[in-house]
Amino acid sequence: MQKIMNAEVAEILGAFTGDGWIENRGGAMYICGHSVDDKAYYDNYLGPLVSKWFTSVNPKKFEYWHVYGISIYKKDIIAKMLDIGFQKGKKCYTAMIPDWIKNGDISLQIAFLRGLFDTDGCVWFEKTKVNKILQPRLSIISCSEKLIKECGVILARLEVKCEIRRRLNISQTRNNNPYSELRIRTKDNLKKWFEIIGTNNKKHRRKYEQISKSKTQIFL
């Protein structure tokens, strides 16, 4: 089976790295997100993109998990995906950017970042503790420190300033493991992200447009 390695496939791989998994036996692959907020992204963009390069998929709601997304149950297709860097099993701590993307053209790296952000990133306003000013933020969080550091290297090449922090999750949720966070803090750097990397998830685009129209002038 011929390997397919291009920017669109790199974007699919980024989306999978953010919110996807392959069962240990290699018989099922899923990429899923919020059942309401991400539905348009899967229906109008990621579903058709996966159908173009791998096999026809029909996005749907997975009632048991209360999520919406895509699935593939063809072992030959999944084997093809594994061959180009999709990871099988529990990849929480081991997720990374495949070498053909990391060492390839910058366009591949940009596409991977876009896919990762569209499934596992967020944009929001944060209120400062001291003067209560609303400030724009963009972040990507992962338990894989390696993945976040690799993303930081790409952003440095693109001259998009970011911070990387290792944090302890002290919440009372089921997953209370340490995680790494990549965070962009200023409107100028958010603008660079959306101009250079962009997004194909409308929920991120709407939030960014809200931030762009903000009259807030003071940023950390």
Protein backbone atom coordinates (compact mmCIF):
# COMPACT_ATOMS: atom_id res chain seq x y z
CA MET A 1 0.00 0.00 0.00
CA GLN A 2 1.50 3.31 -1.06
CA LYS A 3 2.13 5.78 1.75
CA ILE A 4 0.25 9.06 1.50
CA MET A 5 2.12 11.90 3.17
CA ASN A 6 0.99 15.44 2.41
CA ALA A 7 -0.35 18.50 4.22
CA GLU A 8 -3.96 17.28 4.32
CA VAL A 9 -2.95 13.94 5.77
CA ALA A 10 -0.71 15.77 8.26
CA GLU A 11 -3.77 17.76 9.35
CA ILE A 12 -5.80 14.58 9.84
CA LEU A 13 -2.94 13.17 11.89
CA GLY A 14 -2.92 16.33 14.02
CA ALA A 15 -6.66 16.01 14.62
CA PHE A 16 -6.21 12.35 15.57
CA THR A 17 -3.37 13.22 17.95
CA GLY A 18 -5.68 15.69 19.65
CA ASP A 19 -8.88 13.68 20.01
CA GLY A 20 -8.44 10.27 18.43
CA TRP A 21 -7.46 6.72 19.31
CA ILE A 22 -6.94 3.31 17.75
CA GLU A 23 -7.89 0.21 19.72
CA ASN A 24 -4.99 -2.03 20.72
CA ARG A 25 -6.09 -4.82 18.37
CA GLY A 26 -6.07 -2.37 15.45
CA GLY A 27 -9.70 -3.04 14.57
CA ALA A 28 -11.19 0.40 15.20
CA MET A 29 -10.13 4.02 14.89
CA TYR A 30 -12.04 7.00 16.28
CA ILE A 31 -11.70 10.79 16.23
CA CYS A 32 -14.40 12.46 18.32
CA GLY A 33 -15.27 15.82 19.85
CA HIS A 34 -18.09 17.73 21.48
CA SER A 35 -21.47 16.49 20.28
CA VAL A 36 -22.73 20.04 19.59
CA ASP A 37 -19.80 22.46 19.32
CA ASP A 38 -17.72 20.25 17.00
CA LYS A 39 -20.50 18.74 14.87
CA ALA A 40 -20.07 21.16 11.95
CA TYR A 41 -16.30 20.58 11.94
CA TYR A 42 -16.73 16.84 11.57
CA ASP A 43 -19.64 17.06 9.11
CA ASN A 44 -18.21 19.73 6.84
CA TYR A 45 -14.46 19.35 7.09
CA LEU A 46 -12.76 16.46 8.87
CA GLY A 47 -15.18 13.77 7.73
CA PRO A 48 -14.84 14.68 4.04
CA LEU A 49 -11.04 14.99 4.42
CA VAL A 50 -10.70 11.50 5.91
CA SER A 51 -13.02 10.17 3.20
CA LYS A 52 -10.77 11.74 0.55
CA TRP A 53 -7.53 10.15 1.72
CA PHE A 54 -8.46 6.93 3.55
CA THR A 55 -12.00 5.57 3.30
CA SER A 56 -15.56 6.91 3.27
CA VAL A 57 -16.76 7.90 6.73
CA ASN A 58 -20.06 9.28 7.98
CA PRO A 59 -19.78 11.43 11.11
CA LYS A 60 -22.25 10.48 13.82
CA LYS A 61 -23.02 10.79 17.51
CA PHE A 62 -21.65 8.04 19.72
CA GLU A 63 -24.34 7.87 22.36
CA TYR A 64 -22.35 5.78 24.83
CA TRP A 65 -19.54 8.37 25.05
CA HIS A 66 -21.76 11.42 24.44
CA VAL A 67 -19.43 12.62 21.66
CA TYR A 68 -19.65 13.24 17.92
CA GLY A 69 -17.11 12.19 15.31
CA ILE A 70 -15.90 9.57 12.88
CA SER A 71 -14.91 5.92 13.02
CA ILE A 72 -13.12 3.40 10.80
CA TYR A 73 -13.35 -0.37 11.29
CA LYS A 74 -11.32 -1.58 8.28
CA LYS A 75 -8.09 -3.19 9.47
CA ASP A 76 -6.25 -2.63 6.18
CA ILE A 77 -7.03 1.11 6.30
CA ILE A 78 -6.02 1.32 9.96
CA ALA A 79 -2.78 -0.53 9.17
CA LYS A 80 -2.11 2.12 6.52
CA MET A 81 -2.68 4.84 9.10
CA LEU A 82 -0.39 3.17 11.62
CA ASP A 83 2.31 2.97 8.96
CA ILE A 84 2.44 6.77 8.64
CA GLY A 85 2.45 7.66 12.32
CA PHE A 86 -1.02 7.20 13.80
CA GLN A 87 -0.48 5.69 17.26
CA LYS A 88 -2.26 2.62 18.60
CA GLY A 89 -3.44 2.09 22.15
CA LYS A 90 -3.10 4.52 25.04
CA LYS A 91 -1.07 7.40 23.59
CA CYS A 92 -1.76 9.91 26.36
CA TYR A 93 1.88 10.15 27.50
CA THR A 94 3.61 9.09 24.28
CA ALA A 95 1.91 11.25 21.63
CA MET A 96 4.41 12.91 19.31
CA ILE A 97 4.77 14.44 15.87
CA PRO A 98 5.83 11.80 13.30
CA ASP A 99 9.31 12.31 11.83
CA TRP A 100 8.04 12.83 8.27
CA ILE A 101 6.12 15.85 9.52
CA LYS A 102 8.62 17.11 12.10
CA ASN A 103 11.54 16.91 9.66
CA GLY A 104 9.56 17.81 6.55
CA ASP A 105 8.43 21.03 4.93
CA ILE A 106 7.04 23.69 7.25
CA SER A 107 3.68 23.38 5.47
CA LEU A 108 3.32 19.87 6.93
CA GLN A 109 4.05 21.14 10.42
CA ILE A 110 1.56 23.99 10.06
CA ALA A 111 -1.12 21.54 8.92
CA PHE A 112 -0.44 19.22 11.86
CA LEU A 113 -0.70 22.12 14.34
CA ARG A 114 -3.99 23.21 12.77
CA GLY A 115 -5.49 19.72 13.10
CA LEU A 116 -4.27 19.39 16.69
CA PHE A 117 -5.67 22.80 17.63
CA ASP A 118 -9.02 22.19 15.93
CA THR A 119 -9.66 19.07 18.01
CA ASP A 120 -7.78 19.72 21.24
CA GLY A 121 -7.22 23.48 21.49
CA CYS A 122 -9.21 26.41 22.81
CA VAL A 123 -9.44 30.20 22.58
CA TRP A 124 -10.88 32.30 25.38
CA PHE A 125 -10.78 35.50 27.43
CA GLU A 126 -9.06 35.27 30.80
CA LYS A 127 -9.71 37.79 33.55
CA THR A 128 -6.55 38.93 35.35
CA LYS A 129 -6.53 38.54 39.12
CA VAL A 130 -5.21 42.02 39.89
CA ASN A 131 -7.04 44.48 37.63
CA LYS A 132 -9.77 42.15 36.25
CA ILE A 133 -8.89 42.96 32.64
CA LEU A 134 -10.01 40.44 30.03
CA GLN A 135 -7.07 39.16 28.01
CA PRO A 136 -7.01 36.78 25.02
CA ARG A 137 -5.58 33.29 25.36
CA LEU A 138 -5.01 30.28 23.09
CA SER A 139 -3.88 26.94 24.46
CA ILE A 140 -3.25 23.31 23.66
CA ILE A 141 -2.99 20.82 26.53
CA SER A 142 -1.57 17.29 26.51
CA CYS A 143 -0.24 14.77 29.00
CA SER A 144 2.58 14.24 26.49
CA GLU A 145 5.32 16.71 27.35
CA LYS A 146 7.20 15.68 24.20
CA LEU A 147 4.30 16.62 21.94
CA ILE A 148 3.88 20.07 23.49
CA LYS A 149 7.62 20.78 23.28
CA GLU A 150 7.68 19.74 19.62
CA CYS A 151 4.80 22.12 18.92
CA GLY A 152 6.74 24.88 20.67
CA VAL A 153 9.73 24.31 18.38
CA ILE A 154 7.50 24.72 15.32
CA LEU A 155 5.97 27.94 16.68
CA ALA A 156 9.46 29.32 17.34
CA ARG A 157 10.30 28.72 13.66
CA LEU A 158 7.14 30.61 12.73
CA GLU A 159 8.01 33.43 15.19
CA VAL A 160 4.81 32.90 17.16
CA LYS A 161 5.63 33.42 20.83
CA CYS A 162 4.24 30.90 23.28
CA GLU A 163 4.77 29.63 26.82
CA ILE A 164 5.09 25.98 27.78
CA ARG A 165 4.32 24.87 31.31
CA ARG A 166 4.17 21.54 33.09
CA ARG A 167 1.22 21.52 35.48
CA LEU A 168 -0.21 19.28 38.16
CA ASN A 169 -3.88 18.54 37.67
CA ILE A 170 -5.37 18.88 41.14
CA SER A 171 -8.99 18.67 39.98
CA GLN A 172 -11.32 16.04 41.32
CA THR A 173 -11.96 14.56 37.87
CA ARG A 174 -11.12 11.00 36.91
CA ASN A 175 -8.01 12.12 35.01
CA ASN A 176 -5.86 13.95 37.53
CA ASN A 177 -2.50 13.29 35.88
CA PRO A 178 0.15 15.97 35.26
CA TYR A 179 -0.10 17.69 31.89
CA SER A 180 1.78 20.13 29.69
CA GLU A 181 0.23 23.30 28.33
CA LEU A 182 1.22 25.43 25.36
CA ARG A 183 -0.24 28.89 25.77
CA ILE A 184 -0.29 32.02 23.57
CA ARG A 185 -1.06 35.15 25.56
CA THR A 186 -1.29 38.30 23.40
CA LYS A 187 -3.58 39.52 20.67
CA ASP A 188 -0.61 40.01 18.29
CA ASN A 189 0.50 36.40 18.64
CA LEU A 190 -3.07 35.12 18.36
CA LYS A 191 -3.27 37.09 15.11
CA LYS A 192 -0.10 35.39 13.87
CA TRP A 193 -1.55 31.98 14.74
CA PHE A 194 -4.74 32.58 12.80
CA GLU A 195 -2.91 34.16 9.85
CA ILE A 196 -0.21 31.48 9.55
CA ILE A 197 -1.80 28.32 10.97
CA GLY A 198 -5.49 29.14 10.91
CA THR A 199 -8.41 26.90 11.82
CA ASN A 200 -11.04 24.81 10.07
CA ASN A 201 -13.23 24.60 13.16
CA LYS A 202 -15.84 27.36 13.12
CA LYS A 203 -16.12 27.51 16.91
CA HIS A 204 -12.49 28.70 17.08
CA ARG A 205 -13.02 31.15 14.24
CA ARG A 206 -16.03 32.71 15.98
CA LYS A 207 -14.14 33.13 19.24
CA TYR A 208 -11.15 34.66 17.46
CA GLU A 209 -13.36 37.15 15.64
CA GLN A 210 -14.82 38.14 19.00
CA ILE A 211 -11.31 38.68 20.36
CA SER A 212 -10.25 40.65 17.28
CA LYS A 213 -13.09 43.09 17.83
CA SER A 214 -12.27 43.53 21.52
CA LYS A 215 -11.09 47.00 22.57
CA THR A 216 -8.96 45.60 25.40
CA GLN A 217 -5.54 47.26 25.16
CA ILE A 218 -3.54 45.90 28.12
CA PHE A 219 -1.97 42.46 27.81
CA LEU A 220 0.51 40.46 29.86
